[in-house]
Structures are given as C-alpha cells and as structure tokens.
Amino acid sequence: MPANKIESNEEYFQQAFNKHIFLQEAGQALTISDTEFEDCEFNDCDFSAAIFTRCKFVNCAFNRCNLSLMKVPYSQFFEVNFVDSKLVGIDWTRATWPSFNLCSELTFTRCILNDASFFGLSLNELKLEECKLYEVDFREGDFSNSVMTYCDFTNSLFMRTNLKNVDFTESENFNIDILQNTVTKAKFSRFAALALLEELDIELVD
C-alpha cells in the first residue's frame, strides 16, 4: 500500500514510499523522530540531509534512493537492504547498534558510500556488493564474516580492524596493513593479495 507522508511518532507496516522527497522547512533539515518502519519499501526517494532520530527500520528496502548526508542519531537498522542508492557522508556510528545483535544484516548493493564512517562498530556479516567506498572509515571495527565483493575501497581506512573470514573477492584499491589488522581466513583475489604484501617491505620475484 503506497503512503504519501512520513510523520514522527508513527508506525508504518508494509508501506511503500514512492518518489518521496524530504523538503527542508525554512532552511532547516526535516526531522522524523520515534517512528518505526517494518516491512516497508522506499523507491526513488530523496532523503538527503534528512534527520531520523530514534527511529527503527526492520526488514526494509531502499531502492534507487538518495540518502546522502542523512543523519541517524539513536536509530536502529535490522535486515535493511540498500540497492542502487547514494549514501554519501553518513556517520553510521551515531545509530544504535545493540551489543546482543552483532548481525544486523545490512546489505548494500551497487551503492555509493563515500565518506561514510563505520568507526568502532561491530557489524558482523555486513554485505557490500559492487559498491563504491571512497574514504570510508572502518578503523577499530569488527566486520568478521562479512561479504565485501566487487567493491572499490580507494583511500578507505583500516586500522585494528577485524576482517576475519571477510570475502573481498574482486574488490580493489584497499590499503590494508596485514600487521595492523586481523585478516585470518579472509579471501582476496590474487592481484589484490599481492598488493597487501607491499606493507611487509619484501621483494616479490617471478
């Protein structure tokens, strides 16, 4: 069932939001507070610079949406899929990630997540597929058992990051110091793996 408006202090169940645009009011970013979305779809929506405070998204899908510079203070995300969407400059550390649920099942497919921050988060089984991740902060985080395939990690930061069992197949342009990060049983394409060895100051010969 399509919905036309999103308001604070509401619950939306199995709603479809199509081409919804968050407009600023009097030059201020529109804020939605204490609202829950369950089994909802957001299609071709523009939520850029919107503020979702203490909201909950459960089993939701964002398709072809612009979410750049969106703020999510104290909001929660469970089983949320982002497809063909733009999510530039989002500070995911401001959301609430319950310690008892490390697998929030976030999936990003063909998305742009440049300048995002996942600093210090524990997001096991995170899925990033065919995404652009320029200058993203993964430092101090735990992303073990995640899938990060066919992605571009240009200038992204990894330091004391748990990447155990992460699948990096066909991903490129990452700078991961294997002495400063945990990469046990991580999977890399052959040429990407050779690039990792550059940090060891060794010489590779044919």
C-alpha atoms as a PDB file:
ATOM      1  CA  MET A   1       0.000   0.000   0.000  1.00  0.00           C
ATOM      2  CA  PRO A   2       1.558   3.340  -1.029  1.00  0.00           C
ATOM      3  CA  ALA A   3       1.997   6.066   1.569  1.00  0.00           C
ATOM      4  CA  ASN A   4       2.196   9.783   0.880  1.00  0.00           C
ATOM      5  CA  LYS A   5       3.598  11.239   4.056  1.00  0.00           C
ATOM      6  CA  ILE A   6       6.037  10.341   6.813  1.00  0.00           C
ATOM      7  CA  GLU A   7       5.459  11.753  10.283  1.00  0.00           C
ATOM      8  CA  SER A   8       7.048  11.469  13.708  1.00  0.00           C
ATOM      9  CA  ASN A   9       5.720   9.173  16.425  1.00  0.00           C
ATOM     10  CA  GLU A  10       4.086   6.817  13.926  1.00  0.00           C
ATOM     11  CA  GLU A  11       4.315   3.152  12.974  1.00  0.00           C
ATOM     12  CA  TYR A  12       4.375   2.124   9.327  1.00  0.00           C
ATOM     13  CA  PHE A  13       3.880  -1.525   8.363  1.00  0.00           C
ATOM     14  CA  GLN A  14       4.117  -2.885   4.819  1.00  0.00           C
ATOM     15  CA  GLN A  15       4.018   0.598   3.348  1.00  0.00           C
ATOM     16  CA  ALA A  16       5.562   1.669   0.038  1.00  0.00           C
ATOM     17  CA  PHE A  17       7.007   5.155  -0.237  1.00  0.00           C
ATOM     18  CA  ASN A  18       7.455   6.055  -3.906  1.00  0.00           C
ATOM     19  CA  LYS A  19       9.325   9.141  -5.134  1.00  0.00           C
ATOM     20  CA  HIS A  20       9.003  10.678  -1.691  1.00  0.00           C
ATOM     21  CA  ILE A  21      11.053  13.866  -1.312  1.00  0.00           C
ATOM     22  CA  PHE A  22      12.061  15.286   2.061  1.00  0.00           C
ATOM     23  CA  LEU A  23      11.969  19.044   1.651  1.00  0.00           C
ATOM     24  CA  GLN A  24      13.672  21.391   4.060  1.00  0.00           C
ATOM     25  CA  GLU A  25      11.419  23.720   6.003  1.00  0.00           C
ATOM     26  CA  ALA A  26      12.610  27.292   6.492  1.00  0.00           C
ATOM     27  CA  GLY A  27      16.130  26.226   5.631  1.00  0.00           C
ATOM     28  CA  GLN A  28      16.141  23.503   8.308  1.00  0.00           C
ATOM     29  CA  ALA A  29      16.527  19.810   7.611  1.00  0.00           C
ATOM     30  CA  LEU A  30      13.300  17.932   8.167  1.00  0.00           C
ATOM     31  CA  THR A  31      13.412  15.655  11.228  1.00  0.00           C
ATOM     32  CA  ILE A  32      11.443  12.465  11.858  1.00  0.00           C
ATOM     33  CA  SER A  33      11.539  11.180  15.437  1.00  0.00           C
ATOM     34  CA  ASP A  34      10.439   7.996  17.221  1.00  0.00           C
ATOM     35  CA  THR A  35       8.938   6.372  14.141  1.00  0.00           C
ATOM     36  CA  GLU A  36       9.069   2.676  13.284  1.00  0.00           C
ATOM     37  CA  PHE A  37       9.129   1.209   9.772  1.00  0.00           C
ATOM     38  CA  GLU A  38       8.594  -2.525   9.336  1.00  0.00           C
ATOM     39  CA  ASP A  39       8.486  -4.379   6.008  1.00  0.00           C
ATOM     40  CA  CYS A  40       8.485  -1.048   4.173  1.00  0.00           C
ATOM     41  CA  GLU A  41       9.854  -0.110   0.747  1.00  0.00           C
ATOM     42  CA  PHE A  42      11.356   3.208  -0.248  1.00  0.00           C
ATOM     43  CA  ASN A  43      11.561   3.611  -4.032  1.00  0.00           C
ATOM     44  CA  ASP A  44      13.196   6.565  -5.824  1.00  0.00           C
ATOM     45  CA  CYS A  45      13.029   8.681  -2.671  1.00  0.00           C
ATOM     46  CA  ASP A  46      15.192  11.686  -1.798  1.00  0.00           C
ATOM     47  CA  PHE A  47      16.033  11.810   1.913  1.00  0.00           C
ATOM     48  CA  SER A  48      19.287  13.761   1.516  1.00  0.00           C
ATOM     49  CA  ALA A  49      20.192  15.688   4.689  1.00  0.00           C
ATOM     50  CA  ALA A  50      17.109  14.338   6.472  1.00  0.00           C
ATOM     51  CA  ILE A  51      17.353  13.520  10.172  1.00  0.00           C
ATOM     52  CA  PHE A  52      15.873  10.278  11.537  1.00  0.00           C
ATOM     53  CA  THR A  53      16.101  10.367  15.341  1.00  0.00           C
ATOM     54  CA  ARG A  54      15.334   7.281  17.473  1.00  0.00           C
ATOM     55  CA  CYS A  55      13.660   5.568  14.515  1.00  0.00           C
ATOM     56  CA  LYS A  56      13.635   1.857  13.795  1.00  0.00           C
ATOM     57  CA  PHE A  57      13.881   0.192  10.385  1.00  0.00           C
ATOM     58  CA  VAL A  58      13.066  -3.526  10.329  1.00  0.00           C
ATOM     59  CA  ASN A  59      13.166  -5.616   7.140  1.00  0.00           C
ATOM     60  CA  CYS A  60      13.044  -2.535   4.909  1.00  0.00           C
ATOM     61  CA  ALA A  61      14.372  -1.886   1.393  1.00  0.00           C
ATOM     62  CA  PHE A  62      15.700   1.328  -0.116  1.00  0.00           C
ATOM     63  CA  ASN A  63      15.773   1.207  -3.918  1.00  0.00           C
ATOM     64  CA  ARG A  64      17.365   3.963  -6.029  1.00  0.00           C
ATOM     65  CA  CYS A  65      17.231   6.440  -3.150  1.00  0.00           C
ATOM     66  CA  ASN A  66      19.371   9.475  -2.336  1.00  0.00           C
ATOM     67  CA  LEU A  67      20.264   9.289   1.356  1.00  0.00           C
ATOM     68  CA  SER A  68      23.425  11.394   1.260  1.00  0.00           C
ATOM     69  CA  LEU A  69      24.232  13.348   4.435  1.00  0.00           C
ATOM     70  CA  MET A  70      21.287  11.700   6.173  1.00  0.00           C
ATOM     71  CA  LYS A  71      21.671  11.691   9.952  1.00  0.00           C
ATOM     72  CA  VAL A  72      20.524   8.707  12.026  1.00  0.00           C
ATOM     73  CA  PRO A  73      21.067   9.535  15.733  1.00  0.00           C
ATOM     74  CA  TYR A  74      19.963   6.673  18.006  1.00  0.00           C
ATOM     75  CA  SER A  75      18.112   4.942  15.152  1.00  0.00           C
ATOM     76  CA  GLN A  76      18.216   1.163  14.636  1.00  0.00           C
ATOM     77  CA  PHE A  77      18.523  -0.947  11.496  1.00  0.00           C
ATOM     78  CA  PHE A  78      17.702  -4.667  11.231  1.00  0.00           C
ATOM     79  CA  GLU A  79      17.653  -6.600   7.943  1.00  0.00           C
ATOM     80  CA  VAL A  80      17.750  -3.476   5.779  1.00  0.00           C
ATOM     81  CA  ASN A  81      18.703  -3.592   2.086  1.00  0.00           C
ATOM     82  CA  PHE A  82      20.029  -0.643   0.115  1.00  0.00           C
ATOM     83  CA  VAL A  83      20.090  -1.093  -3.671  1.00  0.00           C
ATOM     84  CA  ASP A  84      21.384   1.346  -6.319  1.00  0.00           C
ATOM     85  CA  SER A  85      21.324   4.111  -3.724  1.00  0.00           C
ATOM     86  CA  LYS A  86      23.554   7.048  -2.818  1.00  0.00           C
ATOM     87  CA  LEU A  87      24.631   7.186   0.843  1.00  0.00           C
ATOM     88  CA  VAL A  88      27.493   9.697   0.869  1.00  0.00           C
ATOM     89  CA  GLY A  89      28.754  11.150   4.137  1.00  0.00           C
ATOM     90  CA  ILE A  90      26.651   9.124   6.597  1.00  0.00           C
ATOM     91  CA  ASP A  91      28.015   8.665  10.123  1.00  0.00           C
ATOM     92  CA  TRP A  92      26.702   5.205  10.975  1.00  0.00           C
ATOM     93  CA  THR A  93      28.327   5.390  14.416  1.00  0.00           C
ATOM     94  CA  ARG A  94      25.527   7.692  15.584  1.00  0.00           C
ATOM     95  CA  ALA A  95      22.950   4.937  15.140  1.00  0.00           C
ATOM     96  CA  THR A  96      22.206   2.479  17.934  1.00  0.00           C
ATOM     97  CA  TRP A  97      23.668  -0.996  17.436  1.00  0.00           C
ATOM     98  CA  PRO A  98      22.590  -3.360  20.250  1.00  0.00           C
ATOM     99  CA  SER A  99      25.523  -5.357  21.574  1.00  0.00           C
ATOM    100  CA  PHE A 100      23.422  -8.534  21.688  1.00  0.00           C
ATOM    101  CA  ASN A 101      22.740  -8.411  17.947  1.00  0.00           C
ATOM    102  CA  LEU A 102      26.023  -8.167  16.077  1.00  0.00           C
ATOM    103  CA  CYS A 103      24.468  -9.386  12.826  1.00  0.00           C
ATOM    104  CA  SER A 104      22.124  -6.593  11.824  1.00  0.00           C
ATOM    105  CA  GLU A 105      22.066  -7.978   8.271  1.00  0.00           C
ATOM    106  CA  LEU A 106      22.762  -4.734   6.453  1.00  0.00           C
ATOM    107  CA  THR A 107      23.120  -5.185   2.698  1.00  0.00           C
ATOM    108  CA  PHE A 108      24.383  -2.600   0.236  1.00  0.00           C
ATOM    109  CA  THR A 109      24.248  -3.465  -3.473  1.00  0.00           C
ATOM    110  CA  ARG A 110      25.624  -1.140  -6.170  1.00  0.00           C
ATOM    111  CA  CYS A 111      25.618   1.757  -3.730  1.00  0.00           C
ATOM    112  CA  ILE A 112      27.861   4.795  -3.259  1.00  0.00           C
ATOM    113  CA  LEU A 113      29.010   5.079   0.373  1.00  0.00           C
ATOM    114  CA  ASN A 114      31.862   7.562   0.027  1.00  0.00           C
ATOM    115  CA  ASP A 115      32.988   9.461   3.157  1.00  0.00           C
ATOM    116  CA  ALA A 116      30.961   7.216   5.467  1.00  0.00           C
ATOM    117  CA  SER A 117      32.074   6.223   8.970  1.00  0.00           C
ATOM    118  CA  PHE A 118      31.785   2.748  10.492  1.00  0.00           C
ATOM    119  CA  PHE A 119      34.460   3.556  13.081  1.00  0.00           C
ATOM    120  CA  GLY A 120      34.477   1.128  16.009  1.00  0.00           C
ATOM    121  CA  LEU A 121      31.273  -0.662  15.010  1.00  0.00           C
ATOM    122  CA  SER A 122      30.684  -4.400  15.311  1.00  0.00           C
ATOM    123  CA  LEU A 123      28.744  -5.326  12.179  1.00  0.00           C
ATOM    124  CA  ASN A 124      29.351  -8.989  11.519  1.00  0.00           C
ATOM    125  CA  GLU A 125      28.052 -10.350   8.219  1.00  0.00           C
ATOM    126  CA  LEU A 126      27.818  -6.908   6.633  1.00  0.00           C
ATOM    127  CA  LYS A 127      27.217  -7.252   2.884  1.00  0.00           C
ATOM    128  CA  LEU A 128      28.782  -4.808   0.420  1.00  0.00           C
ATOM    129  CA  GLU A 129      28.470  -5.823  -3.210  1.00  0.00           C
ATOM    130  CA  GLU A 130      29.602  -3.735  -6.206  1.00  0.00           C
ATOM    131  CA  CYS A 131      29.826  -0.619  -4.045  1.00  0.00           C
ATOM    132  CA  LYS A 132      31.991   2.485  -4.221  1.00  0.00           C
ATOM    133  CA  LEU A 133      33.588   3.155  -0.824  1.00  0.00           C
ATOM    134  CA  TYR A 134      35.994   6.071  -1.186  1.00  0.00           C
ATOM    135  CA  GLU A 135      37.495   7.364   2.067  1.00  0.00           C
ATOM    136  CA  VAL A 136      35.311   5.221   4.328  1.00  0.00           C
ATOM    137  CA  ASP A 137      36.424   4.749   7.947  1.00  0.00           C
ATOM    138  CA  PHE A 138      36.483   1.110   9.063  1.00  0.00           C
ATOM    139  CA  ARG A 139      39.063   1.614  11.839  1.00  0.00           C
ATOM    140  CA  GLU A 140      38.664  -0.250  15.150  1.00  0.00           C
ATOM    141  CA  GLY A 141      35.618  -2.116  13.817  1.00  0.00           C
ATOM    142  CA  ASP A 142      34.639  -5.797  13.758  1.00  0.00           C
ATOM    143  CA  PHE A 143      33.352  -6.876  10.347  1.00  0.00           C
ATOM    144  CA  SER A 144      34.183 -10.557  10.582  1.00  0.00           C
ATOM    145  CA  ASN A 145      32.293 -12.932   8.287  1.00  0.00           C
ATOM    146  CA  SER A 146      31.243 -10.068   6.014  1.00  0.00           C
ATOM    147  CA  VAL A 147      30.988 -10.061   2.235  1.00  0.00           C
ATOM    148  CA  MET A 148      32.690  -7.119   0.501  1.00  0.00           C
ATOM    149  CA  THR A 149      32.940  -8.227  -3.117  1.00  0.00           C
ATOM    150  CA  TYR A 150      33.476  -6.231  -6.343  1.00  0.00           C
ATOM    151  CA  CYS A 151      33.955  -3.032  -4.313  1.00  0.00           C
ATOM    152  CA  ASP A 152      36.311  -0.066  -4.673  1.00  0.00           C
ATOM    153  CA  PHE A 153      37.949   0.923  -1.363  1.00  0.00           C
ATOM    154  CA  THR A 154      40.047   3.858  -2.603  1.00  0.00           C
ATOM    155  CA  ASN A 155      41.574   5.743   0.363  1.00  0.00           C
ATOM    156  CA  SER A 156      39.442   3.881   2.919  1.00  0.00           C
ATOM    157  CA  LEU A 157      40.891   3.433   6.397  1.00  0.00           C
ATOM    158  CA  PHE A 158      41.583   0.087   8.076  1.00  0.00           C
ATOM    159  CA  MET A 159      43.422   0.040  11.412  1.00  0.00           C
ATOM    160  CA  ARG A 160      42.991  -2.565  14.166  1.00  0.00           C
ATOM    161  CA  THR A 161      40.006  -3.809  12.162  1.00  0.00           C
ATOM    162  CA  ASN A 162      38.717  -7.372  12.470  1.00  0.00           C
ATOM    163  CA  LEU A 163      38.360  -8.695   8.916  1.00  0.00           C
ATOM    164  CA  LYS A 164      38.409 -12.382   9.806  1.00  0.00           C
ATOM    165  CA  ASN A 165      36.664 -14.539   7.195  1.00  0.00           C
ATOM    166  CA  VAL A 166      35.732 -11.493   5.091  1.00  0.00           C
ATOM    167  CA  ASP A 167      35.234 -12.196   1.383  1.00  0.00           C
ATOM    168  CA  PHE A 168      36.998  -9.438  -0.605  1.00  0.00           C
ATOM    169  CA  THR A 169      36.805 -11.291  -3.935  1.00  0.00           C
ATOM    170  CA  GLU A 170      37.257  -8.940  -6.928  1.00  0.00           C
ATOM    171  CA  SER A 171      37.460  -5.861  -4.694  1.00  0.00           C
ATOM    172  CA  GLU A 172      40.273  -3.382  -5.274  1.00  0.00           C
ATOM    173  CA  ASN A 173      42.182  -0.284  -4.198  1.00  0.00           C
ATOM    174  CA  PHE A 174      42.323  -1.049  -0.498  1.00  0.00           C
ATOM    175  CA  ASN A 175      45.257  -0.294   1.748  1.00  0.00           C
ATOM    176  CA  ILE A 176      45.150  -2.914   4.490  1.00  0.00           C
ATOM    177  CA  ASP A 177      48.222  -3.379   6.663  1.00  0.00           C
ATOM    178  CA  ILE A 178      48.121  -7.092   7.435  1.00  0.00           C
ATOM    179  CA  LEU A 179      50.177  -6.500  10.578  1.00  0.00           C
ATOM    180  CA  GLN A 180      47.744  -3.919  11.949  1.00  0.00           C
ATOM    181  CA  ASN A 181      44.507  -5.695  11.041  1.00  0.00           C
ATOM    182  CA  THR A 182      43.107  -9.204  11.511  1.00  0.00           C
ATOM    183  CA  VAL A 183      42.753 -10.874   8.124  1.00  0.00           C
ATOM    184  CA  THR A 184      42.721 -14.531   9.176  1.00  0.00           C
ATOM    185  CA  LYS A 185      40.986 -16.659   6.536  1.00  0.00           C
ATOM    186  CA  ALA A 186      39.921 -13.547   4.592  1.00  0.00           C
ATOM    187  CA  LYS A 187      39.514 -14.144   0.862  1.00  0.00           C
ATOM    188  CA  PHE A 188      41.244 -11.896  -1.691  1.00  0.00           C
ATOM    189  CA  SER A 189      41.690 -12.021  -5.441  1.00  0.00           C
ATOM    190  CA  ARG A 190      45.254 -12.903  -6.416  1.00  0.00           C
ATOM    191  CA  PHE A 191      46.443  -9.455  -7.510  1.00  0.00           C
ATOM    192  CA  ALA A 192      44.832  -7.772  -4.510  1.00  0.00           C
ATOM    193  CA  ALA A 193      46.610 -10.211  -2.206  1.00  0.00           C
ATOM    194  CA  LEU A 194      49.952  -9.334  -3.779  1.00  0.00           C
ATOM    195  CA  ALA A 195      49.292  -5.661  -3.101  1.00  0.00           C
ATOM    196  CA  LEU A 196      48.820  -6.456   0.590  1.00  0.00           C
ATOM    197  CA  LEU A 197      52.336  -7.825   0.759  1.00  0.00           C
ATOM    198  CA  GLU A 198      53.769  -4.418  -0.125  1.00  0.00           C
ATOM    199  CA  GLU A 199      53.309  -3.420   3.510  1.00  0.00           C
ATOM    200  CA  LEU A 200      55.826  -6.085   4.547  1.00  0.00           C
ATOM    201  CA  ASP A 201      58.720  -4.421   2.703  1.00  0.00           C
ATOM    202  CA  ILE A 202      59.600  -7.598   0.842  1.00  0.00           C
ATOM    203  CA  GLU A 203      60.560  -8.178  -2.763  1.00  0.00           C
ATOM    204  CA  LEU A 204      58.419 -10.385  -4.961  1.00  0.00           C
ATOM    205  CA  VAL A 205      60.089 -12.182  -7.885  1.00  0.00           C
ATOM    206  CA  ASP A 206      58.645 -14.254 -10.694  1.00  0.00           C
END
